[in-house]
Amino acid sequence: MLELFPQGFEEIEHPDGLELVAYTDDAGEERLWAAFGEVRADDVPADWEERWREFHRPVRVGPFWIGPPWETPATDAVPLVIDPGNSA
């Protein structure tokens, strides 16, 4: 998968195995067919641009609050803001 999608893919564990998910176009789907022989293609939900944020939650580590820019830091913590959507 890293060779096919070096920009990233998702692994989802299920009780009966592991699902590999690549968000790609038609050319990427063809690469998957060539590599694995069988794939399933689903349309990406319209709200995907916002839904990914659900997975990025702040954490508290000692005096530090570590979280994304759309969350509000704790007032009694030293904020460390990390934007998980910023690849630059």
Foldseek 3Di string as FASTA:
>chain_A
DCVLCVVDWDWDDDPVGIDIGDDDDPVSVVVCCVVPVDDDDDDDDPCVVPVVQVVWDWDDDPQEIEGAPVDDDDPRHDYDHDHPVDPD
